[in-house]
Amino acid sequence: MKKTRFFGRSIARRWVLEKKLAAAQEEGEKEERWNRLGLQNEFLL
């Protein structure tokens, strides 16, 4: 049971990170000059 919960959480975290990256990329397309700064801030936080 613990293993399934752990894998579930890891998948959820990975999915959330992918959504954040997708949103950051969309914002980057709107404002390319802030794309790198946004991604760096996401990873630093």
Protein backbone atom coordinates (compact mmCIF):
# COMPACT_ATOMS: atom_id res chain seq x y z
CA MET A 1 0.00 0.00 0.00
CA LYS A 2 2.79 2.44 0.87
CA LYS A 3 4.48 1.84 -2.50
CA THR A 4 1.29 2.61 -4.43
CA ARG A 5 0.79 5.80 -2.43
CA PHE A 6 4.40 6.85 -3.04
CA PHE A 7 4.16 6.23 -6.79
CA GLY A 8 0.83 8.06 -6.90
CA ARG A 9 2.36 11.09 -5.24
CA SER A 10 5.39 11.05 -7.53
CA ILE A 11 3.12 10.89 -10.59
CA ALA A 12 0.99 13.75 -9.24
CA ARG A 13 4.08 15.88 -8.55
CA ARG A 14 5.46 15.16 -12.03
CA TRP A 15 2.06 16.06 -13.57
CA VAL A 16 1.94 19.34 -11.62
CA LEU A 17 5.50 20.22 -12.70
CA GLU A 18 4.57 19.52 -16.33
CA LYS A 19 1.52 21.80 -16.01
CA LYS A 20 3.69 24.55 -14.48
CA LEU A 21 6.26 24.22 -17.28
CA ALA A 22 3.50 24.30 -19.91
CA ALA A 23 2.03 27.45 -18.35
CA ALA A 24 5.49 29.04 -18.15
CA GLN A 25 6.10 28.23 -21.82
CA GLU A 26 2.75 29.76 -22.81
CA GLU A 27 3.60 32.91 -20.86
CA GLY A 28 7.06 32.87 -22.47
CA GLU A 29 5.47 32.85 -25.92
CA LYS A 30 3.47 35.94 -24.95
CA GLU A 31 6.53 37.65 -23.47
CA GLU A 32 9.70 35.96 -24.71
CA ARG A 33 12.04 38.28 -22.83
CA TRP A 34 10.58 37.13 -19.46
CA ASN A 35 10.59 33.42 -20.41
CA ARG A 36 14.02 32.59 -18.96
CA LEU A 37 13.51 34.64 -15.79
CA GLY A 38 10.15 32.95 -15.17
CA LEU A 39 11.57 29.44 -15.61
CA GLN A 40 14.56 30.25 -13.38
CA ASN A 41 12.24 31.59 -10.66
CA GLU A 42 10.10 28.42 -10.89
CA PHE A 43 13.15 26.19 -10.37
CA LEU A 44 14.67 28.39 -7.64
CA LEU A 45 11.41 28.31 -5.66
